[in-house]
Amino acid sequence: MKAISAIVGGDDAAKDKAFAEGLYIAGSRYVMARADGRSIYARQGRLGVAIAKTKQAIVVGHHAETGVAGNASSTVEGLADYLVGQGY
């Protein structure tokens, strides 16, 4: 969580390290596909995670091998937008 928090907080060194070495979530290594502004997208084979930051929370969504990455991303982003709109 420290690495994720640093990346969405704007730490370029943490972002570069995650791109080079991977992002570890629950003991599994994910390859960073994209990190921009408040969002991170990473994958492990056909599995993937979408992460978005709000003022007070970090929303993490995971999709399985049979899931669609775009659906997970839009759901996480939508929930983050809703939380921001509510002041979180």
PDB file of N, CA and C in Angstrom:
ATOM      1  N   MET A   1       0.823  -1.196   0.000  1.00  0.00           N
ATOM      2  CA  MET A   1       0.000   0.000   0.000  1.00  0.00           C
ATOM      3  C   MET A   1       0.863   1.253   0.000  1.00  0.00           C
ATOM      4  N   LYS A   2       2.047   1.174   0.604  1.00  0.00           N
ATOM      5  CA  LYS A   2       2.919   2.345   0.610  1.00  0.00           C
ATOM      6  C   LYS A   2       3.322   2.726  -0.811  1.00  0.00           C
ATOM      7  N   ALA A   3       3.652   1.738  -1.620  1.00  0.00           N
ATOM      8  CA  ALA A   3       4.050   2.015  -3.004  1.00  0.00           C
ATOM      9  C   ALA A   3       2.885   2.604  -3.790  1.00  0.00           C
ATOM     10  N   ILE A   4       1.707   2.031  -3.636  1.00  0.00           N
ATOM     11  CA  ILE A   4       0.520   2.533  -4.339  1.00  0.00           C
ATOM     12  C   ILE A   4       0.224   3.963  -3.907  1.00  0.00           C
ATOM     13  N   SER A   5       0.262   4.211  -2.603  1.00  0.00           N
ATOM     14  CA  SER A   5       0.002   5.547  -2.080  1.00  0.00           C
ATOM     15  C   SER A   5       1.015   6.555  -2.623  1.00  0.00           C
ATOM     16  N   ALA A   6       2.276   6.149  -2.682  1.00  0.00           N
ATOM     17  CA  ALA A   6       3.311   7.046  -3.202  1.00  0.00           C
ATOM     18  C   ALA A   6       3.092   7.349  -4.682  1.00  0.00           C
ATOM     19  N   ILE A   7       2.725   6.336  -5.454  1.00  0.00           N
ATOM     20  CA  ILE A   7       2.543   6.528  -6.901  1.00  0.00           C
ATOM     21  C   ILE A   7       1.377   7.465  -7.183  1.00  0.00           C
ATOM     22  N   VAL A   8       0.219   7.213  -6.564  1.00  0.00           N
ATOM     23  CA  VAL A   8      -0.937   8.087  -6.819  1.00  0.00           C
ATOM     24  C   VAL A   8      -0.764   9.439  -6.157  1.00  0.00           C
ATOM     25  N   GLY A   9       0.178   9.547  -5.233  1.00  0.00           N
ATOM     26  CA  GLY A   9       0.484  10.825  -4.605  1.00  0.00           C
ATOM     27  C   GLY A   9       1.442  11.676  -5.416  1.00  0.00           C
ATOM     28  N   GLY A  10       1.970  11.115  -6.513  1.00  0.00           N
ATOM     29  CA  GLY A  10       2.816  11.890  -7.399  1.00  0.00           C
ATOM     30  C   GLY A  10       4.310  11.648  -7.254  1.00  0.00           C
ATOM     31  N   ASP A  11       4.718  10.614  -6.523  1.00  0.00           N
ATOM     32  CA  ASP A  11       6.145  10.311  -6.346  1.00  0.00           C
ATOM     33  C   ASP A  11       6.681   9.633  -7.605  1.00  0.00           C
ATOM     34  N   ASP A  12       7.450  10.380  -8.397  1.00  0.00           N
ATOM     35  CA  ASP A  12       7.982   9.846  -9.657  1.00  0.00           C
ATOM     36  C   ASP A  12       8.970   8.710  -9.439  1.00  0.00           C
ATOM     37  N   ALA A  13       9.752   8.765  -8.356  1.00  0.00           N
ATOM     38  CA  ALA A  13      10.711   7.695  -8.073  1.00  0.00           C
ATOM     39  C   ALA A  13       9.987   6.376  -7.801  1.00  0.00           C
ATOM     40  N   ALA A  14       8.886   6.435  -7.038  1.00  0.00           N
ATOM     41  CA  ALA A  14       8.104   5.229  -6.755  1.00  0.00           C
ATOM     42  C   ALA A  14       7.467   4.692  -8.028  1.00  0.00           C
ATOM     43  N   LYS A  15       6.999   5.587  -8.885  1.00  0.00           N
ATOM     44  CA  LYS A  15       6.391   5.171 -10.150  1.00  0.00           C
ATOM     45  C   LYS A  15       7.431   4.509 -11.053  1.00  0.00           C
ATOM     46  N   ASP A  16       8.608   5.107 -11.159  1.00  0.00           N
ATOM     47  CA  ASP A  16       9.672   4.520 -11.977  1.00  0.00           C
ATOM     48  C   ASP A  16      10.087   3.155 -11.455  1.00  0.00           C
ATOM     49  N   LYS A  17      10.176   3.016 -10.136  1.00  0.00           N
ATOM     50  CA  LYS A  17      10.544   1.731  -9.530  1.00  0.00           C
ATOM     51  C   LYS A  17       9.491   0.673  -9.835  1.00  0.00           C
ATOM     52  N   ALA A  18       8.208   1.038  -9.744  1.00  0.00           N
ATOM     53  CA  ALA A  18       7.131   0.085 -10.020  1.00  0.00           C
ATOM     54  C   ALA A  18       7.117  -0.318 -11.490  1.00  0.00           C
ATOM     55  N   PHE A  19       7.403   0.619 -12.398  1.00  0.00           N
ATOM     56  CA  PHE A  19       7.483   0.262 -13.810  1.00  0.00           C
ATOM     57  C   PHE A  19       8.638  -0.698 -14.059  1.00  0.00           C
ATOM     58  N   ALA A  20       9.752  -0.501 -13.365  1.00  0.00           N
ATOM     59  CA  ALA A  20      10.934  -1.335 -13.578  1.00  0.00           C
ATOM     60  C   ALA A  20      10.826  -2.699 -12.899  1.00  0.00           C
ATOM     61  N   GLU A  21      10.305  -2.731 -11.662  1.00  0.00           N
ATOM     62  CA  GLU A  21      10.322  -3.957 -10.863  1.00  0.00           C
ATOM     63  C   GLU A  21       8.959  -4.618 -10.694  1.00  0.00           C
ATOM     64  N   GLY A  22       7.908  -3.915 -11.033  1.00  0.00           N
ATOM     65  CA  GLY A  22       6.565  -4.447 -10.850  1.00  0.00           C
ATOM     66  C   GLY A  22       5.926  -3.880  -9.602  1.00  0.00           C
ATOM     67  N   LEU A  23       4.642  -4.083  -9.505  1.00  0.00           N
ATOM     68  CA  LEU A  23       3.854  -3.611  -8.373  1.00  0.00           C
ATOM     69  C   LEU A  23       3.340  -4.847  -7.642  1.00  0.00           C
ATOM     70  N   TYR A  24       3.647  -4.966  -6.360  1.00  0.00           N
ATOM     71  CA  TYR A  24       3.255  -6.141  -5.592  1.00  0.00           C
ATOM     72  C   TYR A  24       1.978  -5.861  -4.820  1.00  0.00           C
ATOM     73  N   ILE A  25       0.970  -6.684  -5.092  1.00  0.00           N
ATOM     74  CA  ILE A  25      -0.326  -6.560  -4.436  1.00  0.00           C
ATOM     75  C   ILE A  25      -0.689  -7.940  -3.899  1.00  0.00           C
ATOM     76  N   ALA A  26      -0.902  -8.024  -2.589  1.00  0.00           N
ATOM     77  CA  ALA A  26      -1.231  -9.289  -1.916  1.00  0.00           C
ATOM     78  C   ALA A  26      -0.207 -10.377  -2.243  1.00  0.00           C
ATOM     79  N   GLY A  27       1.052  -9.990  -2.332  1.00  0.00           N
ATOM     80  CA  GLY A  27       2.126 -10.942  -2.572  1.00  0.00           C
ATOM     81  C   GLY A  27       2.325 -11.347  -4.016  1.00  0.00           C
ATOM     82  N   SER A  28       1.516 -10.836  -4.921  1.00  0.00           N
ATOM     83  CA  SER A  28       1.637 -11.166  -6.343  1.00  0.00           C
ATOM     84  C   SER A  28       2.202  -9.973  -7.111  1.00  0.00           C
ATOM     85  N   ARG A  29       3.051 -10.269  -8.078  1.00  0.00           N
ATOM     86  CA  ARG A  29       3.675  -9.213  -8.878  1.00  0.00           C
ATOM     87  C   ARG A  29       2.800  -8.886 -10.083  1.00  0.00           C
ATOM     88  N   TYR A  30       2.495  -7.612 -10.240  1.00  0.00           N
ATOM     89  CA  TYR A  30       1.730  -7.109 -11.380  1.00  0.00           C
ATOM     90  C   TYR A  30       2.627  -6.190 -12.191  1.00  0.00           C
ATOM     91  N   VAL A  31       2.500  -6.227 -13.489  1.00  0.00           N
ATOM     92  CA  VAL A  31       3.245  -5.351 -14.388  1.00  0.00           C
ATOM     93  C   VAL A  31       2.438  -4.073 -14.554  1.00  0.00           C
ATOM     94  N   MET A  32       3.082  -2.949 -14.308  1.00  0.00           N
ATOM     95  CA  MET A  32       2.399  -1.669 -14.459  1.00  0.00           C
ATOM     96  C   MET A  32       2.165  -1.393 -15.934  1.00  0.00           C
ATOM     97  N   ALA A  33       0.928  -1.201 -16.302  1.00  0.00           N
ATOM     98  CA  ALA A  33       0.585  -0.886 -17.680  1.00  0.00           C
ATOM     99  C   ALA A  33       0.513   0.631 -17.873  1.00  0.00           C
ATOM    100  N   ARG A  34      -0.027   1.314 -16.858  1.00  0.00           N
ATOM    101  CA  ARG A  34      -0.187   2.762 -16.970  1.00  0.00           C
ATOM    102  C   ARG A  34      -0.346   3.361 -15.577  1.00  0.00           C
ATOM    103  N   ALA A  35       0.219   4.519 -15.377  1.00  0.00           N
ATOM    104  CA  ALA A  35       0.041   5.277 -14.137  1.00  0.00           C
ATOM    105  C   ALA A  35      -0.031   6.744 -14.531  1.00  0.00           C
ATOM    106  N   ASP A  36      -1.209   7.310 -14.355  1.00  0.00           N
ATOM    107  CA  ASP A  36      -1.378   8.719 -14.728  1.00  0.00           C
ATOM    108  C   ASP A  36      -2.242   9.433 -13.701  1.00  0.00           C
ATOM    109  N   GLY A  37      -1.747  10.533 -13.216  1.00  0.00           N
ATOM    110  CA  GLY A  37      -2.508  11.315 -12.243  1.00  0.00           C
ATOM    111  C   GLY A  37      -2.909  10.510 -11.038  1.00  0.00           C
ATOM    112  N   ARG A  38      -4.187  10.297 -10.888  1.00  0.00           N
ATOM    113  CA  ARG A  38      -4.698   9.590  -9.714  1.00  0.00           C
ATOM    114  C   ARG A  38      -4.895   8.097  -9.938  1.00  0.00           C
ATOM    115  N   SER A  39      -4.579   7.563 -11.111  1.00  0.00           N
ATOM    116  CA  SER A  39      -4.922   6.191 -11.457  1.00  0.00           C
ATOM    117  C   SER A  39      -3.716   5.328 -11.800  1.00  0.00           C
ATOM    118  N   ILE A  40      -3.850   4.037 -11.483  1.00  0.00           N
ATOM    119  CA  ILE A  40      -2.841   3.033 -11.822  1.00  0.00           C
ATOM    120  C   ILE A  40      -3.573   1.853 -12.448  1.00  0.00           C
ATOM    121  N   TYR A  41      -2.992   1.306 -13.500  1.00  0.00           N
ATOM    122  CA  TYR A  41      -3.517   0.094 -14.122  1.00  0.00           C
ATOM    123  C   TYR A  41      -2.355  -0.886 -14.233  1.00  0.00           C
ATOM    124  N   ALA A  42      -2.582  -2.110 -13.771  1.00  0.00           N
ATOM    125  CA  ALA A  42      -1.524  -3.128 -13.791  1.00  0.00           C
ATOM    126  C   ALA A  42      -2.147  -4.478 -14.114  1.00  0.00           C
ATOM    127  N   ARG A  43      -1.297  -5.384 -14.606  1.00  0.00           N
ATOM    128  CA  ARG A  43      -1.805  -6.699 -14.997  1.00  0.00           C
ATOM    129  C   ARG A  43      -0.816  -7.789 -14.613  1.00  0.00           C
ATOM    130  N   GLN A  44      -1.365  -8.975 -14.488  1.00  0.00           N
ATOM    131  CA  GLN A  44      -0.585 -10.190 -14.242  1.00  0.00           C
ATOM    132  C   GLN A  44      -1.199 -11.250 -15.147  1.00  0.00           C
ATOM    133  N   GLY A  45      -0.600 -11.410 -16.324  1.00  0.00           N
ATOM    134  CA  GLY A  45      -1.224 -12.280 -17.312  1.00  0.00           C
ATOM    135  C   GLY A  45      -2.541 -11.676 -17.744  1.00  0.00           C
ATOM    136  N   ARG A  46      -3.632 -12.432 -17.554  1.00  0.00           N
ATOM    137  CA  ARG A  46      -4.960 -11.917 -17.909  1.00  0.00           C
ATOM    138  C   ARG A  46      -5.681 -11.316 -16.711  1.00  0.00           C
ATOM    139  N   LEU A  47      -5.088 -11.412 -15.524  1.00  0.00           N
ATOM    140  CA  LEU A  47      -5.639 -10.767 -14.335  1.00  0.00           C
ATOM    141  C   LEU A  47      -5.242  -9.301 -14.360  1.00  0.00           C
ATOM    142  N   GLY A  48      -5.974  -8.477 -13.656  1.00  0.00           N
ATOM    143  CA  GLY A  48      -5.593  -7.068 -13.634  1.00  0.00           C
ATOM    144  C   GLY A  48      -6.179  -6.325 -12.462  1.00  0.00           C
ATOM    145  N   VAL A  49      -5.607  -5.156 -12.197  1.00  0.00           N
ATOM    146  CA  VAL A  49      -6.109  -4.270 -11.161  1.00  0.00           C
ATOM    147  C   VAL A  49      -6.214  -2.858 -11.721  1.00  0.00           C
ATOM    148  N   ALA A  50      -7.194  -2.147 -11.209  1.00  0.00           N
ATOM    149  CA  ALA A  50      -7.369  -0.726 -11.509  1.00  0.00           C
ATOM    150  C   ALA A  50      -7.444  -0.023 -10.164  1.00  0.00           C
ATOM    151  N   ILE A  51      -6.703   1.057 -10.024  1.00  0.00           N
ATOM    152  CA  ILE A  51      -6.610   1.770  -8.756  1.00  0.00           C
ATOM    153  C   ILE A  51      -6.836   3.252  -9.032  1.00  0.00           C
ATOM    154  N   ALA A  52      -7.632   3.888  -8.176  1.00  0.00           N
ATOM    155  CA  ALA A  52      -7.877   5.326  -8.319  1.00  0.00           C
ATOM    156  C   ALA A  52      -7.874   5.971  -6.942  1.00  0.00           C
ATOM    157  N   LYS A  53      -7.348   7.176  -6.864  1.00  0.00           N
ATOM    158  CA  LYS A  53      -7.235   7.908  -5.604  1.00  0.00           C
ATOM    159  C   LYS A  53      -8.297   9.000  -5.541  1.00  0.00           C
ATOM    160  N   THR A  54      -8.870   9.156  -4.356  1.00  0.00           N
ATOM    161  CA  THR A  54      -9.752  10.287  -4.073  1.00  0.00           C
ATOM    162  C   THR A  54      -9.066  11.122  -2.992  1.00  0.00           C
ATOM    163  N   LYS A  55      -9.770  12.078  -2.434  1.00  0.00           N
ATOM    164  CA  LYS A  55      -9.179  12.905  -1.378  1.00  0.00           C
ATOM    165  C   LYS A  55      -8.834  12.077  -0.142  1.00  0.00           C
ATOM    166  N   GLN A  56      -9.691  11.109   0.206  1.00  0.00           N
ATOM    167  CA  GLN A  56      -9.524  10.369   1.452  1.00  0.00           C
ATOM    168  C   GLN A  56      -9.410   8.861   1.275  1.00  0.00           C
ATOM    169  N   ALA A  57      -9.475   8.372   0.066  1.00  0.00           N
ATOM    170  CA  ALA A  57      -9.491   6.920  -0.134  1.00  0.00           C
ATOM    171  C   ALA A  57      -8.698   6.522  -1.372  1.00  0.00           C
ATOM    172  N   ILE A  58      -8.332   5.264  -1.397  1.00  0.00           N
ATOM    173  CA  ILE A  58      -7.754   4.653  -2.590  1.00  0.00           C
ATOM    174  C   ILE A  58      -8.649   3.480  -2.942  1.00  0.00           C
ATOM    175  N   VAL A  59      -9.269   3.537  -4.114  1.00  0.00           N
ATOM    176  CA  VAL A  59     -10.197   2.505  -4.570  1.00  0.00           C
ATOM    177  C   VAL A  59      -9.417   1.509  -5.425  1.00  0.00           C
ATOM    178  N   VAL A  60      -9.521   0.220  -5.064  1.00  0.00           N
ATOM    179  CA  VAL A  60      -8.812  -0.836  -5.780  1.00  0.00           C
ATOM    180  C   VAL A  60      -9.836  -1.823  -6.315  1.00  0.00           C
ATOM    181  N   GLY A  61      -9.777  -2.072  -7.620  1.00  0.00           N
ATOM    182  CA  GLY A  61     -10.650  -3.065  -8.241  1.00  0.00           C
ATOM    183  C   GLY A  61      -9.802  -4.125  -8.921  1.00  0.00           C
ATOM    184  N   HIS A  62     -10.260  -5.349  -8.876  1.00  0.00           N
ATOM    185  CA  HIS A  62      -9.527  -6.481  -9.452  1.00  0.00           C
ATOM    186  C   HIS A  62     -10.440  -7.190 -10.441  1.00  0.00           C
ATOM    187  N   HIS A  63      -9.893  -7.586 -11.587  1.00  0.00           N
ATOM    188  CA  HIS A  63     -10.701  -8.382 -12.508  1.00  0.00           C
ATOM    189  C   HIS A  63     -10.004  -9.708 -12.772  1.00  0.00           C
ATOM    190  N   ALA A  64     -10.824 -10.727 -12.917  1.00  0.00           N
ATOM    191  CA  ALA A  64     -10.330 -12.089 -13.129  1.00  0.00           C
ATOM    192  C   ALA A  64      -9.927 -12.289 -14.591  1.00  0.00           C
ATOM    193  N   GLU A  65      -9.451 -13.474 -14.895  1.00  0.00           N
ATOM    194  CA  GLU A  65      -9.020 -13.797 -16.260  1.00  0.00           C
ATOM    195  C   GLU A  65     -10.143 -13.631 -17.272  1.00  0.00           C
ATOM    196  N   THR A  66     -11.355 -13.947 -16.857  1.00  0.00           N
ATOM    197  CA  THR A  66     -12.487 -13.847 -17.769  1.00  0.00           C
ATOM    198  C   THR A  66     -13.124 -12.458 -17.767  1.00  0.00           C
ATOM    199  N   GLY A  67     -12.652 -11.579 -16.881  1.00  0.00           N
ATOM    200  CA  GLY A  67     -13.196 -10.229 -16.799  1.00  0.00           C
ATOM    201  C   GLY A  67     -12.648  -9.326 -17.887  1.00  0.00           C
ATOM    202  N   VAL A  68     -13.307  -8.216 -18.070  1.00  0.00           N
ATOM    203  CA  VAL A  68     -12.891  -7.237 -19.068  1.00  0.00           C
ATOM    204  C   VAL A  68     -12.206  -6.075 -18.351  1.00  0.00           C
ATOM    205  N   ALA A  69     -10.960  -5.813 -18.729  1.00  0.00           N
ATOM    206  CA  ALA A  69     -10.177  -4.766 -18.069  1.00  0.00           C
ATOM    207  C   ALA A  69     -10.871  -3.409 -18.147  1.00  0.00           C
ATOM    208  N   GLY A  70     -11.459  -3.088 -19.274  1.00  0.00           N
ATOM    209  CA  GLY A  70     -12.135  -1.807 -19.439  1.00  0.00           C
ATOM    210  C   GLY A  70     -13.303  -1.636 -18.488  1.00  0.00           C
ATOM    211  N   ASN A  71     -14.033  -2.715 -18.237  1.00  0.00           N
ATOM    212  CA  ASN A  71     -15.154  -2.648 -17.296  1.00  0.00           C
ATOM    213  C   ASN A  71     -14.662  -2.381 -15.885  1.00  0.00           C
ATOM    214  N   ALA A  72     -13.589  -3.063 -15.484  1.00  0.00           N
ATOM    215  CA  ALA A  72     -13.030  -2.850 -14.148  1.00  0.00           C
ATOM    216  C   ALA A  72     -12.534  -1.416 -14.006  1.00  0.00           C
ATOM    217  N   SER A  73     -11.843  -0.930 -15.010  1.00  0.00           N
ATOM    218  CA  SER A  73     -11.310   0.430 -14.975  1.00  0.00           C
ATOM    219  C   SER A  73     -12.419   1.471 -14.877  1.00  0.00           C
ATOM    220  N   SER A  74     -13.450   1.313 -15.698  1.00  0.00           N
ATOM    221  CA  SER A  74     -14.527   2.305 -15.676  1.00  0.00           C
ATOM    222  C   SER A  74     -15.312   2.248 -14.364  1.00  0.00           C
ATOM    223  N   THR A  75     -15.456   1.068 -13.781  1.00  0.00           N
ATOM    224  CA  THR A  75     -16.149   0.944 -12.504  1.00  0.00           C
ATOM    225  C   THR A  75     -15.356   1.621 -11.388  1.00  0.00           C
ATOM    226  N   VAL A  76     -14.054   1.363 -11.334  1.00  0.00           N
ATOM    227  CA  VAL A  76     -13.205   1.980 -10.313  1.00  0.00           C
ATOM    228  C   VAL A  76     -13.178   3.493 -10.484  1.00  0.00           C
ATOM    229  N   GLU A  77     -13.011   3.960 -11.706  1.00  0.00           N
ATOM    230  CA  GLU A  77     -12.991   5.404 -11.962  1.00  0.00           C
ATOM    231  C   GLU A  77     -14.336   6.038 -11.611  1.00  0.00           C
ATOM    232  N   GLY A  78     -15.433   5.361 -11.947  1.00  0.00           N
ATOM    233  CA  GLY A  78     -16.760   5.874 -11.631  1.00  0.00           C
ATOM    234  C   GLY A  78     -16.991   5.975 -10.132  1.00  0.00           C
ATOM    235  N   LEU A  79     -16.559   4.949  -9.390  1.00  0.00           N
ATOM    236  CA  LEU A  79     -16.703   4.987  -7.940  1.00  0.00           C
ATOM    237  C   LEU A  79     -15.838   6.092  -7.345  1.00  0.00           C
ATOM    238  N   ALA A  80     -14.621   6.247  -7.850  1.00  0.00           N
ATOM    239  CA  ALA A  80     -13.751   7.320  -7.369  1.00  0.00           C
ATOM    240  C   ALA A  80     -14.371   8.688  -7.658  1.00  0.00           C
ATOM    241  N   ASP A  81     -14.936   8.878  -8.846  1.00  0.00           N
ATOM    242  CA  ASP A  81     -15.596  10.141  -9.180  1.00  0.00           C
ATOM    243  C   ASP A  81     -16.766  10.414  -8.240  1.00  0.00           C
ATOM    244  N   TYR A  82     -17.543   9.363  -7.951  1.00  0.00           N
ATOM    245  CA  TYR A  82     -18.667   9.513  -7.032  1.00  0.00           C
ATOM    246  C   TYR A  82     -18.177   9.945  -5.635  1.00  0.00           C
ATOM    247  N   LEU A  83     -17.133   9.281  -5.143  1.00  0.00           N
ATOM    248  CA  LEU A  83     -16.592   9.620  -3.825  1.00  0.00           C
ATOM    249  C   LEU A  83     -16.062  11.055  -3.789  1.00  0.00           C
ATOM    250  N   VAL A  84     -15.380  11.466  -4.834  1.00  0.00           N
ATOM    251  CA  VAL A  84     -14.885  12.847  -4.916  1.00  0.00           C
ATOM    252  C   VAL A  84     -16.064  13.813  -4.889  1.00  0.00           C
ATOM    253  N   GLY A  85     -17.111  13.493  -5.619  1.00  0.00           N
ATOM    254  CA  GLY A  85     -18.303  14.333  -5.634  1.00  0.00           C
ATOM    255  C   GLY A  85     -18.984  14.433  -4.278  1.00  0.00           C
ATOM    256  N   GLN A  86     -18.832  13.414  -3.440  1.00  0.00           N
ATOM    257  CA  GLN A  86     -19.414  13.399  -2.111  1.00  0.00           C
ATOM    258  C   GLN A  86     -18.468  13.992  -1.048  1.00  0.00           C
ATOM    259  N   GLY A  87     -17.291  14.426  -1.481  1.00  0.00           N
ATOM    260  CA  GLY A  87     -16.361  15.056  -0.554  1.00  0.00           C
ATOM    261  C   GLY A  87     -15.304  14.127   0.009  1.00  0.00           C
ATOM    262  N   TYR A  88     -15.254  12.916  -0.505  1.00  0.00           N
ATOM    263  CA  TYR A  88     -14.252  11.964  -0.024  1.00  0.00           C
ATOM    264  C   TYR A  88     -13.097  11.935  -0.976  1.00  0.00           C
TER     265      TYR A  88
END
